[in-house]
Amino acid sequence: MDEKNCDIIHPNGVKEKKLDLIDEDTIKYHANGITIWSKGKIIDDTPDGYWEWYRIDGTIKRSGYFNMGDPVGEWITYDGKGQKYKTTNRDKK
C-alpha cells in the first residue's frame, strides 16, 4: 500500500485509512483524513516496534510494542483525557 491518499474499499465495505510515511513511521488517519488514528513502523506489511493509537479528538488511546506482528511487553490503555488507565503485559507465558 504505497498510496498517500488511499481510497481502497475492501469487499466487506471497509474503506482503507489514509496514510503517510514520515521518518520511517506509518501514520494512519481517522476517516476525517486529518486526525492521526495510529502511528508506528511497518516492516514487510507487519507492525513492528512501538505503536500508538489515538482518539478522534487527538488524545492517546493505547500504546504498545509489536515483535513482527505479535504484541509483546507492556501495553498501556489511556482514559479519555490521555492519562494512563490500565497496563497489560502481553508477553507469552
N, C-alpha and C. Protein backbone atom coordinates (compact mmCIF):
# COMPACT_ATOMS: atom_id res chain seq x y z
N MET A 1 0.85 -1.16 0.00
CA MET A 1 0.00 0.00 0.00
C MET A 1 0.90 1.23 0.00
N ASP A 2 1.22 1.75 -1.18
CA ASP A 2 2.12 2.87 -1.30
C ASP A 2 1.40 4.21 -1.49
N GLU A 3 0.10 4.18 -1.62
CA GLU A 3 -0.65 5.40 -1.88
C GLU A 3 -0.69 6.28 -0.63
N LYS A 4 -0.44 7.59 -0.83
CA LYS A 4 -0.53 8.53 0.28
C LYS A 4 -1.98 8.74 0.69
N ASN A 5 -2.85 8.95 -0.28
CA ASN A 5 -4.27 9.14 -0.01
C ASN A 5 -5.00 7.92 -0.55
N CYS A 6 -5.27 6.99 0.31
CA CYS A 6 -5.79 5.70 -0.11
C CYS A 6 -7.31 5.70 -0.04
N ASP A 7 -7.96 5.38 -1.14
CA ASP A 7 -9.41 5.28 -1.19
C ASP A 7 -9.85 3.88 -1.58
N ILE A 8 -9.07 2.89 -1.20
CA ILE A 8 -9.40 1.50 -1.50
C ILE A 8 -10.56 1.08 -0.60
N ILE A 9 -11.57 0.49 -1.20
CA ILE A 9 -12.69 -0.04 -0.43
C ILE A 9 -12.67 -1.55 -0.58
N HIS A 10 -12.56 -2.24 0.55
CA HIS A 10 -12.49 -3.69 0.56
C HIS A 10 -13.86 -4.30 0.29
N PRO A 11 -13.90 -5.58 -0.11
CA PRO A 11 -15.18 -6.24 -0.39
C PRO A 11 -16.18 -6.18 0.77
N ASN A 12 -15.67 -6.09 2.02
CA ASN A 12 -16.58 -6.03 3.16
C ASN A 12 -17.10 -4.60 3.40
N GLY A 13 -16.72 -3.65 2.51
CA GLY A 13 -17.22 -2.29 2.59
C GLY A 13 -16.38 -1.35 3.42
N VAL A 14 -15.29 -1.86 4.03
CA VAL A 14 -14.44 -1.03 4.87
C VAL A 14 -13.46 -0.24 4.00
N LYS A 15 -13.41 1.06 4.20
CA LYS A 15 -12.51 1.93 3.44
C LYS A 15 -11.13 1.93 4.11
N GLU A 16 -10.09 1.75 3.32
CA GLU A 16 -8.72 1.78 3.83
C GLU A 16 -8.40 3.19 4.32
N LYS A 17 -7.69 3.29 5.45
CA LYS A 17 -7.37 4.59 6.02
C LYS A 17 -6.30 5.31 5.21
N LYS A 18 -6.44 6.64 5.14
CA LYS A 18 -5.40 7.48 4.54
C LYS A 18 -4.13 7.29 5.36
N LEU A 19 -2.97 7.26 4.68
CA LEU A 19 -1.73 7.10 5.42
C LEU A 19 -0.61 7.92 4.83
N ASP A 20 0.39 8.19 5.66
CA ASP A 20 1.63 8.86 5.28
C ASP A 20 2.78 8.05 5.85
N LEU A 21 3.95 8.22 5.28
CA LEU A 21 5.18 7.64 5.81
C LEU A 21 6.08 8.80 6.18
N ILE A 22 6.30 9.00 7.49
CA ILE A 22 7.10 10.11 7.99
C ILE A 22 8.17 9.57 8.94
N ASP A 23 9.43 9.84 8.62
CA ASP A 23 10.55 9.38 9.45
C ASP A 23 10.44 7.90 9.78
N GLU A 24 10.15 7.08 8.80
CA GLU A 24 10.03 5.62 8.92
C GLU A 24 8.80 5.15 9.68
N ASP A 25 7.97 6.07 10.16
CA ASP A 25 6.72 5.69 10.82
C ASP A 25 5.58 5.76 9.81
N THR A 26 4.71 4.74 9.85
CA THR A 26 3.49 4.76 9.07
C THR A 26 2.43 5.43 9.92
N ILE A 27 1.84 6.48 9.40
CA ILE A 27 0.81 7.22 10.13
C ILE A 27 -0.50 7.04 9.39
N LYS A 28 -1.50 6.47 10.09
CA LYS A 28 -2.84 6.29 9.53
C LYS A 28 -3.76 7.30 10.20
N TYR A 29 -4.77 7.76 9.43
CA TYR A 29 -5.66 8.81 9.89
C TYR A 29 -7.09 8.30 10.08
N HIS A 30 -7.81 8.98 10.98
CA HIS A 30 -9.23 8.72 11.13
C HIS A 30 -9.94 9.06 9.82
N ALA A 31 -11.22 8.72 9.72
CA ALA A 31 -11.99 8.93 8.49
C ALA A 31 -12.01 10.39 8.04
N ASN A 32 -11.78 11.33 8.97
CA ASN A 32 -11.77 12.74 8.58
C ASN A 32 -10.52 13.11 7.78
N GLY A 33 -9.54 12.20 7.74
CA GLY A 33 -8.32 12.41 6.96
C GLY A 33 -7.34 13.38 7.59
N ILE A 34 -7.63 13.88 8.79
CA ILE A 34 -6.79 14.88 9.44
C ILE A 34 -6.20 14.36 10.75
N THR A 35 -7.04 13.79 11.60
CA THR A 35 -6.61 13.36 12.92
C THR A 35 -5.91 12.00 12.83
N ILE A 36 -4.75 11.90 13.48
CA ILE A 36 -4.00 10.64 13.46
C ILE A 36 -4.77 9.56 14.21
N TRP A 37 -4.88 8.39 13.60
CA TRP A 37 -5.51 7.21 14.21
C TRP A 37 -4.44 6.32 14.84
N SER A 38 -3.33 6.09 14.11
CA SER A 38 -2.24 5.27 14.65
C SER A 38 -0.93 5.65 14.01
N LYS A 39 0.17 5.31 14.70
CA LYS A 39 1.48 5.51 14.10
C LYS A 39 2.46 4.50 14.67
N GLY A 40 3.32 4.02 13.78
CA GLY A 40 4.35 3.05 14.15
C GLY A 40 5.02 2.52 12.90
N LYS A 41 5.99 1.66 13.09
CA LYS A 41 6.75 1.10 11.96
C LYS A 41 6.07 -0.15 11.41
N ILE A 42 6.16 -0.28 10.08
CA ILE A 42 5.68 -1.48 9.40
C ILE A 42 6.85 -2.03 8.60
N ILE A 43 7.15 -3.31 8.83
CA ILE A 43 8.21 -4.00 8.11
C ILE A 43 7.58 -5.19 7.41
N ASP A 44 7.74 -5.26 6.09
CA ASP A 44 7.14 -6.34 5.30
C ASP A 44 5.65 -6.49 5.59
N ASP A 45 4.92 -5.37 5.57
CA ASP A 45 3.47 -5.33 5.81
C ASP A 45 3.06 -5.79 7.20
N THR A 46 3.99 -5.77 8.16
CA THR A 46 3.73 -6.25 9.52
C THR A 46 4.15 -5.18 10.53
N PRO A 47 3.28 -4.85 11.51
CA PRO A 47 3.69 -3.88 12.53
C PRO A 47 4.86 -4.42 13.35
N ASP A 48 5.81 -3.52 13.63
CA ASP A 48 6.98 -3.91 14.41
C ASP A 48 7.44 -2.71 15.23
N GLY A 49 7.85 -2.96 16.46
CA GLY A 49 8.30 -1.87 17.33
C GLY A 49 7.15 -1.18 18.02
N TYR A 50 7.41 0.05 18.46
CA TYR A 50 6.46 0.82 19.26
C TYR A 50 5.34 1.40 18.40
N TRP A 51 4.09 1.28 18.87
CA TRP A 51 2.91 1.81 18.19
C TRP A 51 2.06 2.61 19.16
N GLU A 52 1.34 3.60 18.63
CA GLU A 52 0.37 4.37 19.40
C GLU A 52 -0.91 4.50 18.59
N TRP A 53 -2.07 4.53 19.28
CA TRP A 53 -3.38 4.77 18.68
C TRP A 53 -4.00 5.97 19.37
N TYR A 54 -4.78 6.74 18.61
CA TYR A 54 -5.36 7.97 19.12
C TYR A 54 -6.86 8.02 18.89
N ARG A 55 -7.55 8.76 19.75
CA ARG A 55 -8.97 9.02 19.57
C ARG A 55 -9.16 10.13 18.53
N ILE A 56 -10.37 10.30 18.09
CA ILE A 56 -10.69 11.31 17.07
C ILE A 56 -10.35 12.72 17.57
N ASP A 57 -10.36 12.94 18.90
CA ASP A 57 -10.03 14.27 19.43
C ASP A 57 -8.51 14.47 19.60
N GLY A 58 -7.72 13.45 19.24
CA GLY A 58 -6.27 13.56 19.28
C GLY A 58 -5.62 13.04 20.55
N THR A 59 -6.41 12.67 21.57
CA THR A 59 -5.80 12.12 22.79
C THR A 59 -5.36 10.68 22.54
N ILE A 60 -4.28 10.31 23.20
CA ILE A 60 -3.77 8.95 23.05
C ILE A 60 -4.75 7.96 23.66
N LYS A 61 -4.93 6.83 23.00
CA LYS A 61 -5.86 5.78 23.45
C LYS A 61 -5.13 4.54 23.94
N ARG A 62 -4.08 4.12 23.21
CA ARG A 62 -3.37 2.88 23.53
C ARG A 62 -1.96 2.97 22.98
N SER A 63 -1.03 2.28 23.65
CA SER A 63 0.33 2.20 23.14
C SER A 63 0.93 0.86 23.52
N GLY A 64 1.85 0.38 22.69
CA GLY A 64 2.50 -0.89 22.98
C GLY A 64 3.47 -1.27 21.88
N TYR A 65 4.10 -2.41 22.07
CA TYR A 65 5.13 -2.90 21.17
C TYR A 65 4.69 -4.16 20.43
N PHE A 66 5.15 -4.25 19.18
CA PHE A 66 4.99 -5.46 18.38
C PHE A 66 6.37 -6.04 18.09
N ASN A 67 6.44 -7.35 18.03
CA ASN A 67 7.61 -8.06 17.53
C ASN A 67 7.16 -8.80 16.29
N MET A 68 7.37 -8.16 15.13
CA MET A 68 6.95 -8.70 13.83
C MET A 68 5.50 -9.21 13.87
N GLY A 69 4.61 -8.32 14.30
CA GLY A 69 3.18 -8.59 14.27
C GLY A 69 2.59 -9.13 15.56
N ASP A 70 3.44 -9.63 16.45
CA ASP A 70 2.96 -10.16 17.73
C ASP A 70 3.07 -9.09 18.81
N PRO A 71 1.96 -8.78 19.51
CA PRO A 71 2.06 -7.82 20.61
C PRO A 71 2.91 -8.40 21.75
N VAL A 72 3.84 -7.61 22.26
CA VAL A 72 4.74 -8.06 23.32
C VAL A 72 4.90 -6.97 24.37
N GLY A 73 5.31 -7.39 25.56
CA GLY A 73 5.65 -6.43 26.61
C GLY A 73 4.45 -5.69 27.17
N GLU A 74 4.74 -4.50 27.67
CA GLU A 74 3.73 -3.69 28.34
C GLU A 74 2.89 -2.90 27.34
N TRP A 75 1.58 -3.04 27.44
CA TRP A 75 0.63 -2.28 26.64
C TRP A 75 -0.16 -1.39 27.59
N ILE A 76 -0.30 -0.13 27.23
CA ILE A 76 -0.98 0.83 28.09
C ILE A 76 -2.24 1.32 27.40
N THR A 77 -3.34 1.35 28.17
CA THR A 77 -4.60 1.94 27.73
C THR A 77 -4.77 3.25 28.49
N TYR A 78 -5.18 4.30 27.80
CA TYR A 78 -5.33 5.62 28.39
C TYR A 78 -6.79 6.01 28.45
N ASP A 79 -7.16 6.81 29.48
CA ASP A 79 -8.54 7.28 29.59
C ASP A 79 -8.81 8.41 28.59
N GLY A 80 -10.01 8.95 28.60
CA GLY A 80 -10.42 9.97 27.65
C GLY A 80 -9.62 11.26 27.73
N LYS A 81 -8.88 11.45 28.84
CA LYS A 81 -8.05 12.65 28.99
C LYS A 81 -6.58 12.37 28.65
N GLY A 82 -6.30 11.13 28.22
CA GLY A 82 -4.93 10.77 27.87
C GLY A 82 -4.08 10.35 29.05
N GLN A 83 -4.72 10.09 30.19
CA GLN A 83 -3.99 9.64 31.38
C GLN A 83 -3.96 8.11 31.42
N LYS A 84 -2.87 7.55 31.91
CA LYS A 84 -2.70 6.10 32.00
C LYS A 84 -3.85 5.50 32.83
N TYR A 85 -4.54 4.53 32.23
CA TYR A 85 -5.71 3.92 32.85
C TYR A 85 -5.44 2.47 33.24
N LYS A 86 -4.78 1.72 32.35
CA LYS A 86 -4.57 0.29 32.59
C LYS A 86 -3.31 -0.15 31.87
N THR A 87 -2.59 -1.08 32.50
CA THR A 87 -1.40 -1.67 31.88
C THR A 87 -1.60 -3.17 31.79
N THR A 88 -1.28 -3.72 30.62
CA THR A 88 -1.40 -5.16 30.38
C THR A 88 -0.06 -5.67 29.88
N ASN A 89 0.37 -6.83 30.39
CA ASN A 89 1.60 -7.45 29.92
C ASN A 89 1.25 -8.48 28.88
N ARG A 90 1.77 -8.30 27.66
CA ARG A 90 1.43 -9.17 26.54
C ARG A 90 2.48 -10.24 26.26
N ASP A 91 3.46 -10.39 27.14
CA ASP A 91 4.47 -11.42 26.91
C ASP A 91 3.84 -12.80 27.04
N LYS A 92 4.29 -13.70 26.19
CA LYS A 92 3.79 -15.07 26.22
C LYS A 92 4.35 -15.77 27.44
N LYS A 93 3.53 -16.56 28.08
CA LYS A 93 3.94 -17.28 29.30
C LYS A 93 4.47 -18.65 28.95
